[in-house]
């Protein structure tokens, strides 16, 4: 059980770096964040807009 950055560095070995695996892992790791943003997009944008208003 590693954190994501540590887990992705395990794909690098002394002789070569498995760029395909690193890029695939990085792309897959963004999916949960993207899903959370899409689900709560209305609230996130509303919070940003309200923070910019004076009143």
PDB file of N, CA and C in Angstrom:
ATOM      1  N   UNK A   1       0.849  -1.178   0.000  1.00  0.00           N
ATOM      2  CA  UNK A   1       0.000   0.000   0.000  1.00  0.00           C
ATOM      3  C   UNK A   1       0.896   1.243   0.000  1.00  0.00           C
ATOM      4  N   UNK A   2       0.968   1.877  -1.147  1.00  0.00           N
ATOM      5  CA  UNK A   2       1.776   3.076  -1.316  1.00  0.00           C
ATOM      6  C   UNK A   2       0.870   4.262  -1.648  1.00  0.00           C
ATOM      7  N   UNK A   3       1.407   5.450  -1.422  1.00  0.00           N
ATOM      8  CA  UNK A   3       0.725   6.619  -1.950  1.00  0.00           C
ATOM      9  C   UNK A   3       0.961   6.641  -3.458  1.00  0.00           C
ATOM     10  N   UNK A   4       0.186   7.438  -4.163  1.00  0.00           N
ATOM     11  CA  UNK A   4       0.262   7.418  -5.613  1.00  0.00           C
ATOM     12  C   UNK A   4       1.641   7.784  -6.168  1.00  0.00           C
ATOM     13  N   UNK A   5       2.276   8.865  -5.722  1.00  0.00           N
ATOM     14  CA  UNK A   5       3.600   9.170  -6.274  1.00  0.00           C
ATOM     15  C   UNK A   5       4.628   8.072  -6.013  1.00  0.00           C
ATOM     16  N   UNK A   6       4.592   7.485  -4.839  1.00  0.00           N
ATOM     17  CA  UNK A   6       5.543   6.413  -4.529  1.00  0.00           C
ATOM     18  C   UNK A   6       5.226   5.186  -5.367  1.00  0.00           C
ATOM     19  N   UNK A   7       3.957   4.886  -5.543  1.00  0.00           N
ATOM     20  CA  UNK A   7       3.574   3.742  -6.352  1.00  0.00           C
ATOM     21  C   UNK A   7       3.976   3.895  -7.803  1.00  0.00           C
ATOM     22  N   UNK A   8       3.862   5.106  -8.331  1.00  0.00           N
ATOM     23  CA  UNK A   8       4.248   5.327  -9.724  1.00  0.00           C
ATOM     24  C   UNK A   8       5.755   5.235  -9.921  1.00  0.00           C
ATOM     25  N   UNK A   9       6.524   5.576  -8.908  1.00  0.00           N
ATOM     26  CA  UNK A   9       7.983   5.476  -9.055  1.00  0.00           C
ATOM     27  C   UNK A   9       8.461   4.034  -9.030  1.00  0.00           C
ATOM     28  N   UNK A  10       7.622   3.113  -8.592  1.00  0.00           N
ATOM     29  CA  UNK A  10       8.037   1.708  -8.608  1.00  0.00           C
ATOM     30  C   UNK A  10       8.116   1.162 -10.025  1.00  0.00           C
ATOM     31  N   UNK A  11       7.548   1.880 -10.993  1.00  0.00           N
ATOM     32  CA  UNK A  11       7.657   1.451 -12.382  1.00  0.00           C
ATOM     33  C   UNK A  11       8.996   1.828 -12.995  1.00  0.00           C
ATOM     34  N   UNK A  12       9.818   2.568 -12.269  1.00  0.00           N
ATOM     35  CA  UNK A  12      11.153   2.906 -12.763  1.00  0.00           C
ATOM     36  C   UNK A  12      12.155   1.913 -12.180  1.00  0.00           C
ATOM     37  N   UNK A  13      12.941   1.375 -13.035  1.00  0.00           N
ATOM     38  CA  UNK A  13      14.025   0.495 -12.591  1.00  0.00           C
ATOM     39  C   UNK A  13      15.329   1.127 -13.024  1.00  0.00           C
ATOM     40  N   UNK A  14      16.432   0.574 -12.579  1.00  0.00           N
ATOM     41  CA  UNK A  14      17.730   1.175 -12.877  1.00  0.00           C
ATOM     42  C   UNK A  14      18.006   1.267 -14.378  1.00  0.00           C
ATOM     43  N   UNK A  15      17.698   0.224 -15.109  1.00  0.00           N
ATOM     44  CA  UNK A  15      18.061   0.182 -16.521  1.00  0.00           C
ATOM     45  C   UNK A  15      17.141   1.023 -17.402  1.00  0.00           C
ATOM     46  N   UNK A  16      15.846   1.013 -17.105  1.00  0.00           N
ATOM     47  CA  UNK A  16      14.909   1.732 -17.961  1.00  0.00           C
ATOM     48  C   UNK A  16      13.704   2.195 -17.157  1.00  0.00           C
ATOM     49  N   UNK A  17      12.979   3.122 -17.754  1.00  0.00           N
ATOM     50  CA  UNK A  17      11.766   3.647 -17.127  1.00  0.00           C
ATOM     51  C   UNK A  17      10.588   3.211 -17.979  1.00  0.00           C
ATOM     52  N   UNK A  18       9.592   2.648 -17.351  1.00  0.00           N
ATOM     53  CA  UNK A  18       8.386   2.204 -18.058  1.00  0.00           C
ATOM     54  C   UNK A  18       7.422   3.381 -18.187  1.00  0.00           C
ATOM     55  N   UNK A  19       7.674   4.251 -19.175  1.00  0.00           N
ATOM     56  CA  UNK A  19       6.865   5.467 -19.324  1.00  0.00           C
ATOM     57  C   UNK A  19       5.410   5.157 -19.597  1.00  0.00           C
ATOM     58  N   UNK A  20       5.149   4.078 -20.329  1.00  0.00           N
ATOM     59  CA  UNK A  20       3.760   3.733 -20.634  1.00  0.00           C
ATOM     60  C   UNK A  20       2.978   3.434 -19.366  1.00  0.00           C
ATOM     61  N   UNK A  21       3.591   2.682 -18.463  1.00  0.00           N
ATOM     62  CA  UNK A  21       2.916   2.338 -17.207  1.00  0.00           C
ATOM     63  C   UNK A  21       2.755   3.561 -16.308  1.00  0.00           C
ATOM     64  N   UNK A  22       3.761   4.416 -16.281  1.00  0.00           N
ATOM     65  CA  UNK A  22       3.687   5.616 -15.447  1.00  0.00           C
ATOM     66  C   UNK A  22       2.583   6.541 -15.947  1.00  0.00           C
ATOM     67  N   UNK A  23       2.529   6.757 -17.268  1.00  0.00           N
ATOM     68  CA  UNK A  23       1.505   7.640 -17.824  1.00  0.00           C
ATOM     69  C   UNK A  23       0.105   7.047 -17.665  1.00  0.00           C
ATOM     70  N   UNK A  24      -0.017   5.736 -17.813  1.00  0.00           N
ATOM     71  CA  UNK A  24      -1.311   5.083 -17.615  1.00  0.00           C
ATOM     72  C   UNK A  24      -1.758   5.209 -16.161  1.00  0.00           C
ATOM     73  N   UNK A  25      -0.848   4.980 -15.243  1.00  0.00           N
ATOM     74  CA  UNK A  25      -1.183   5.116 -13.824  1.00  0.00           C
ATOM     75  C   UNK A  25      -1.562   6.532 -13.458  1.00  0.00           C
ATOM     76  N   UNK A  26      -0.858   7.512 -14.009  1.00  0.00           N
ATOM     77  CA  UNK A  26      -1.177   8.907 -13.727  1.00  0.00           C
ATOM     78  C   UNK A  26      -2.539   9.280 -14.302  1.00  0.00           C
ATOM     79  N   UNK A  27      -2.845   8.786 -15.498  1.00  0.00           N
ATOM     80  CA  UNK A  27      -4.140   9.077 -16.110  1.00  0.00           C
ATOM     81  C   UNK A  27      -5.278   8.432 -15.320  1.00  0.00           C
ATOM     82  N   UNK A  28      -5.086   7.193 -14.909  1.00  0.00           N
ATOM     83  CA  UNK A  28      -6.128   6.500 -14.139  1.00  0.00           C
ATOM     84  C   UNK A  28      -6.307   7.138 -12.773  1.00  0.00           C
ATOM     85  N   UNK A  29      -5.248   7.662 -12.198  1.00  0.00           N
ATOM     86  CA  UNK A  29      -5.350   8.249 -10.863  1.00  0.00           C
ATOM     87  C   UNK A  29      -6.133   9.560 -10.862  1.00  0.00           C
ATOM     88  N   UNK A  30      -6.287  10.203 -12.018  1.00  0.00           N
ATOM     89  CA  UNK A  30      -7.065  11.441 -12.075  1.00  0.00           C
ATOM     90  C   UNK A  30      -8.566  11.185 -12.152  1.00  0.00           C
ATOM     91  N   UNK A  31      -8.962   9.959 -12.434  1.00  0.00           N
ATOM     92  CA  UNK A  31     -10.381   9.650 -12.609  1.00  0.00           C
ATOM     93  C   UNK A  31     -11.205   9.922 -11.346  1.00  0.00           C
ATOM     94  N   UNK A  32     -10.786   9.505 -10.132  1.00  0.00           N
ATOM     95  CA  UNK A  32     -11.612   9.814  -8.950  1.00  0.00           C
ATOM     96  C   UNK A  32     -11.791  11.315  -8.715  1.00  0.00           C
ATOM     97  N   UNK A  33     -10.737  12.094  -8.923  1.00  0.00           N
ATOM     98  CA  UNK A  33     -10.844  13.538  -8.759  1.00  0.00           C
ATOM     99  C   UNK A  33     -11.797  14.132  -9.787  1.00  0.00           C
ATOM    100  N   UNK A  34     -11.729  13.659 -10.999  1.00  0.00           N
ATOM    101  CA  UNK A  34     -12.613  14.142 -12.053  1.00  0.00           C
ATOM    102  C   UNK A  34     -14.066  13.802 -11.747  1.00  0.00           C
ATOM    103  N   UNK A  35     -14.320  12.610 -11.254  1.00  0.00           N
ATOM    104  CA  UNK A  35     -15.693  12.216 -10.906  1.00  0.00           C
ATOM    105  C   UNK A  35     -16.235  13.083  -9.783  1.00  0.00           C
ATOM    106  N   UNK A  36     -15.426  13.335  -8.757  1.00  0.00           N
ATOM    107  CA  UNK A  36     -15.874  14.188  -7.648  1.00  0.00           C
ATOM    108  C   UNK A  36     -16.181  15.591  -8.154  1.00  0.00           C
ATOM    109  N   UNK A  37     -15.337  16.122  -9.031  1.00  0.00           N
ATOM    110  CA  UNK A  37     -15.595  17.452  -9.580  1.00  0.00           C
ATOM    111  C   UNK A  37     -16.883  17.471 -10.381  1.00  0.00           C
ATOM    112  N   UNK A  38     -17.105  16.468 -11.222  1.00  0.00           N
ATOM    113  CA  UNK A  38     -18.318  16.449 -12.034  1.00  0.00           C
ATOM    114  C   UNK A  38     -19.575  16.330 -11.188  1.00  0.00           C
ATOM    115  N   UNK A  39     -19.505  15.566 -10.107  1.00  0.00           N
ATOM    116  CA  UNK A  39     -20.671  15.403  -9.238  1.00  0.00           C
ATOM    117  C   UNK A  39     -20.967  16.691  -8.476  1.00  0.00           C
ATOM    118  N   UNK A  40     -19.936  17.358  -7.972  1.00  0.00           N
ATOM    119  CA  UNK A  40     -20.124  18.544  -7.143  1.00  0.00           C
ATOM    120  C   UNK A  40     -19.809  19.846  -7.878  1.00  0.00           C
ATOM    121  N   UNK A  41     -19.817  19.826  -9.197  1.00  0.00           N
ATOM    122  CA  UNK A  41     -19.450  20.986  -9.994  1.00  0.00           C
ATOM    123  C   UNK A  41     -20.318  22.197  -9.675  1.00  0.00           C
ATOM    124  N   UNK A  42     -21.600  21.995  -9.544  1.00  0.00           N
ATOM    125  CA  UNK A  42     -22.519  23.099  -9.254  1.00  0.00           C
ATOM    126  C   UNK A  42     -22.135  23.788  -7.936  1.00  0.00           C
ATOM    127  N   UNK A  43     -21.827  23.016  -6.919  1.00  0.00           N
ATOM    128  CA  UNK A  43     -21.502  23.577  -5.611  1.00  0.00           C
ATOM    129  C   UNK A  43     -20.123  24.239  -5.600  1.00  0.00           C
ATOM    130  N   UNK A  44     -19.184  23.654  -6.325  1.00  0.00           N
ATOM    131  CA  UNK A  44     -17.841  24.229  -6.384  1.00  0.00           C
ATOM    132  C   UNK A  44     -17.885  25.580  -7.080  1.00  0.00           C
ATOM    133  N   UNK A  45     -18.571  25.654  -8.215  1.00  0.00           N
ATOM    134  CA  UNK A  45     -18.656  26.911  -8.950  1.00  0.00           C
ATOM    135  C   UNK A  45     -19.424  27.947  -8.155  1.00  0.00           C
ATOM    136  N   UNK A  46     -20.494  27.548  -7.494  1.00  0.00           N
ATOM    137  CA  UNK A  46     -21.274  28.476  -6.662  1.00  0.00           C
ATOM    138  C   UNK A  46     -20.400  29.036  -5.541  1.00  0.00           C
ATOM    139  N   UNK A  47     -19.574  28.188  -4.933  1.00  0.00           N
ATOM    140  CA  UNK A  47     -18.692  28.639  -3.862  1.00  0.00           C
ATOM    141  C   UNK A  47     -17.651  29.624  -4.350  1.00  0.00           C
ATOM    142  N   UNK A  48     -17.129  29.403  -5.537  1.00  0.00           N
ATOM    143  CA  UNK A  48     -16.140  30.322  -6.105  1.00  0.00           C
ATOM    144  C   UNK A  48     -16.795  31.661  -6.432  1.00  0.00           C
ATOM    145  N   UNK A  49     -17.983  31.619  -6.997  1.00  0.00           N
ATOM    146  CA  UNK A  49     -18.686  32.862  -7.339  1.00  0.00           C
ATOM    147  C   UNK A  49     -19.044  33.644  -6.084  1.00  0.00           C
ATOM    148  N   UNK A  50     -19.545  32.969  -5.075  1.00  0.00           N
ATOM    149  CA  UNK A  50     -19.948  33.649  -3.842  1.00  0.00           C
ATOM    150  C   UNK A  50     -18.745  34.201  -3.101  1.00  0.00           C
ATOM    151  N   UNK A  51     -17.606  33.558  -3.208  1.00  0.00           N
ATOM    152  CA  UNK A  51     -16.407  34.055  -2.542  1.00  0.00           C
ATOM    153  C   UNK A  51     -15.906  35.346  -3.180  1.00  0.00           C
ATOM    154  N   UNK A  52     -16.211  35.532  -4.460  1.00  0.00           N
ATOM    155  CA  UNK A  52     -15.758  36.717  -5.148  1.00  0.00           C
ATOM    156  C   UNK A  52     -16.674  37.915  -5.003  1.00  0.00           C
ATOM    157  N   UNK A  53     -17.846  37.725  -4.406  1.00  0.00           N
ATOM    158  CA  UNK A  53     -18.804  38.819  -4.249  1.00  0.00           C
ATOM    159  C   UNK A  53     -18.585  39.559  -2.944  1.00  0.00           C
ATOM    160  N   UNK A  54     -18.713  40.859  -3.004  1.00  0.00           N
ATOM    161  CA  UNK A  54     -18.678  41.645  -1.771  1.00  0.00           C
ATOM    162  C   UNK A  54     -20.108  41.954  -1.391  1.00  0.00           C
ATOM    163  N   UNK A  55     -20.371  41.937  -0.131  1.00  0.00           N
ATOM    164  CA  UNK A  55     -21.746  42.272   0.189  1.00  0.00           C
ATOM    165  C   UNK A  55     -22.016  42.085   1.577  1.00  0.00           C
TER     166      UNK A  55
END
